[in-house]
Amino acid sequence: MLVKPTSLWDMSTEHDQLLHLGQTPSWLLSQARMRSHRILTERLAAIAARRYHLRVLSVLVEHGPLPQVAIGTLADLDRADLSVSVDELEAEGTVIREQDPEDGRRKIVRITDDGQARARQLGLVLREVQDELFAPLEADEREAFIATLRKLQP
């Protein structure tokens, strides 16, 4: 006879662990992340944007003009994804690449006025997605959840 664990931390056998995988915090967090990713991706696609655009513009709004490598580090994007994203943003006029006055081999990426407007638009979409994701939670539950997530960050 199977005995259901009394808590998530009371999974004494591998069989119990597999049976209750769907109730583990890591599984639940992963499912929430996938839902968040899907909703945000859909909403951004509706306005011809991508999550990488949001990340690049967000970094530039927060930090100002930066070398492309620094943007990649701050936005946690690899070189290929960053390059494609900056190319796309430059083509739509939301960023420009300029020669670095301190190092002629390097380009600095700067957000344009159109980019500032686009960043505000993307920020509104992001806020709407947050509101949808957290709608089941009361304000104090949202704050507690966010505080807990911050504790889990590396």
Protein backbone atom coordinates (compact mmCIF):
# COMPACT_ATOMS: atom_id res chain seq x y z
CA MET A 1 0.00 0.00 0.00
CA LEU A 2 1.30 3.43 -0.94
CA VAL A 3 1.56 6.02 1.78
CA LYS A 4 1.21 9.61 0.62
CA PRO A 5 3.94 11.83 2.05
CA THR A 6 2.82 14.21 4.77
CA SER A 7 4.74 17.08 3.20
CA LEU A 8 6.71 17.83 0.06
CA TRP A 9 9.91 17.20 1.98
CA ASP A 10 8.80 13.74 3.19
CA MET A 11 9.44 11.75 0.01
CA SER A 12 11.41 8.81 1.27
CA THR A 13 11.44 6.67 -1.85
CA GLU A 14 12.13 7.33 -5.50
CA HIS A 15 8.67 5.97 -6.26
CA ASP A 16 7.06 8.58 -4.00
CA GLN A 17 9.17 11.30 -5.56
CA LEU A 18 7.98 10.41 -9.05
CA LEU A 19 4.37 10.00 -8.02
CA HIS A 20 4.28 13.48 -6.51
CA LEU A 21 6.49 15.33 -8.99
CA GLY A 22 3.58 17.56 -10.00
CA GLN A 23 3.38 18.90 -6.46
CA THR A 24 7.04 19.76 -5.95
CA PRO A 25 7.97 23.45 -5.74
CA SER A 26 10.44 23.12 -8.61
CA TRP A 27 7.78 21.59 -10.87
CA LEU A 28 5.18 24.19 -9.94
CA LEU A 29 7.67 27.01 -10.46
CA SER A 30 8.62 25.57 -13.85
CA GLN A 31 4.97 25.36 -14.88
CA ALA A 32 4.39 28.97 -13.81
CA ARG A 33 7.48 30.04 -15.76
CA MET A 34 6.25 28.31 -18.90
CA ARG A 35 2.85 29.98 -18.58
CA SER A 36 4.49 33.35 -18.04
CA HIS A 37 6.79 32.82 -21.03
CA ARG A 38 3.87 31.81 -23.28
CA ILE A 39 1.66 34.76 -22.33
CA LEU A 40 4.46 37.32 -22.65
CA THR A 41 5.63 35.89 -25.99
CA GLU A 42 2.07 36.01 -27.38
CA ARG A 43 1.46 39.57 -26.20
CA LEU A 44 4.75 40.82 -27.58
CA ALA A 45 4.17 39.07 -30.91
CA ALA A 46 0.84 40.91 -31.17
CA ILE A 47 2.81 44.18 -31.36
CA ALA A 48 5.64 42.78 -33.51
CA ALA A 49 8.13 42.50 -30.64
CA ARG A 50 10.13 39.74 -29.03
CA ARG A 51 11.26 39.08 -25.47
CA TYR A 52 14.84 39.81 -26.50
CA HIS A 53 13.77 43.27 -27.69
CA LEU A 54 12.24 43.90 -24.29
CA ARG A 55 15.44 42.82 -22.57
CA VAL A 56 17.76 44.91 -24.76
CA LEU A 57 15.63 48.06 -24.54
CA SER A 58 15.19 47.59 -20.80
CA VAL A 59 18.97 47.45 -20.30
CA LEU A 60 19.47 50.57 -22.41
CA VAL A 61 16.75 52.49 -20.56
CA GLU A 62 18.27 51.53 -17.21
CA HIS A 63 21.97 51.92 -18.05
CA GLY A 64 22.17 54.27 -21.03
CA PRO A 65 24.42 53.72 -24.08
CA LEU A 66 26.58 50.61 -23.77
CA PRO A 67 28.90 48.40 -25.77
CA GLN A 68 27.00 45.48 -27.25
CA VAL A 69 28.94 42.99 -25.11
CA ALA A 70 27.82 44.77 -21.93
CA ILE A 71 24.20 44.67 -23.09
CA GLY A 72 24.51 40.92 -23.63
CA THR A 73 25.87 40.44 -20.13
CA LEU A 74 23.21 42.58 -18.46
CA ALA A 75 20.35 41.13 -20.55
CA ASP A 76 21.69 37.57 -20.21
CA LEU A 77 21.75 37.06 -23.97
CA ASP A 78 24.32 35.12 -25.95
CA ARG A 79 26.21 36.88 -28.73
CA ALA A 80 24.14 35.45 -31.59
CA ASP A 81 20.75 36.30 -30.06
CA LEU A 82 21.98 39.73 -29.04
CA SER A 83 23.36 40.50 -32.50
CA VAL A 84 20.11 39.50 -34.21
CA SER A 85 18.07 41.50 -31.69
CA VAL A 86 20.18 44.64 -32.04
CA ASP A 87 20.01 44.30 -35.85
CA GLU A 88 16.21 44.09 -35.66
CA LEU A 89 15.95 47.01 -33.24
CA GLU A 90 18.29 49.08 -35.39
CA ALA A 91 16.23 48.29 -38.52
CA GLU A 92 13.08 49.58 -36.80
CA GLY A 93 14.90 52.70 -35.59
CA THR A 94 14.69 52.02 -31.87
CA VAL A 95 18.47 51.80 -31.35
CA ILE A 96 21.53 53.02 -33.19
CA ARG A 97 25.10 51.79 -33.17
CA GLU A 98 27.77 54.43 -32.88
CA GLN A 99 31.54 54.26 -32.90
CA ASP A 100 32.97 54.16 -29.37
CA PRO A 101 35.01 57.36 -29.01
CA GLU A 102 37.38 55.57 -26.59
CA ASP A 103 37.89 52.44 -28.73
CA GLY A 104 37.41 52.67 -32.48
CA ARG A 105 37.06 48.89 -32.76
CA ARG A 106 33.97 48.90 -30.58
CA LYS A 107 30.39 50.00 -31.22
CA ILE A 108 28.17 51.61 -28.62
CA VAL A 109 24.43 50.92 -28.78
CA ARG A 110 22.14 53.82 -27.89
CA ILE A 111 18.37 53.91 -27.59
CA THR A 112 16.61 56.47 -29.80
CA ASP A 113 13.57 58.60 -29.00
CA ASP A 114 11.48 56.05 -30.92
CA GLY A 115 13.17 53.39 -28.82
CA GLN A 116 12.13 55.17 -25.62
CA ALA A 117 8.52 55.18 -26.85
CA ARG A 118 8.79 51.51 -27.82
CA ALA A 119 10.26 50.67 -24.40
CA ARG A 120 7.25 52.36 -22.74
CA GLN A 121 4.91 50.33 -24.95
CA LEU A 122 6.71 47.10 -24.08
CA GLY A 123 6.66 48.08 -20.41
CA LEU A 124 2.88 48.44 -20.53
CA VAL A 125 2.57 44.99 -22.09
CA LEU A 126 4.86 43.57 -19.41
CA ARG A 127 2.73 45.18 -16.66
CA GLU A 128 -0.46 43.72 -18.20
CA VAL A 129 1.12 40.27 -18.30
CA GLN A 130 2.18 40.59 -14.64
CA ASP A 131 -1.36 41.61 -13.70
CA GLU A 132 -2.77 38.60 -15.52
CA LEU A 133 -0.28 36.16 -14.04
CA PHE A 134 -0.77 37.40 -10.49
CA ALA A 135 -4.54 38.01 -10.72
CA PRO A 136 -5.34 35.02 -8.44
CA LEU A 137 -3.18 36.50 -5.66
CA GLU A 138 -4.07 39.23 -3.20
CA ALA A 139 -1.67 42.19 -3.04
CA ASP A 140 0.06 40.90 0.11
CA GLU A 141 0.42 37.42 -1.44
CA ARG A 142 2.02 38.96 -4.55
CA GLU A 143 4.54 40.85 -2.43
CA ALA A 144 5.35 37.75 -0.38
CA PHE A 145 5.75 35.65 -3.53
CA ILE A 146 8.04 38.22 -5.16
CA ALA A 147 10.10 38.48 -1.96
CA THR A 148 10.47 34.70 -1.92
CA LEU A 149 11.53 34.60 -5.57
CA ARG A 150 14.17 37.25 -4.87
CA LYS A 151 15.61 35.03 -2.12
CA LEU A 152 15.95 32.21 -4.63
CA GLN A 153 17.96 34.29 -7.14
CA PRO A 154 21.66 33.55 -7.49
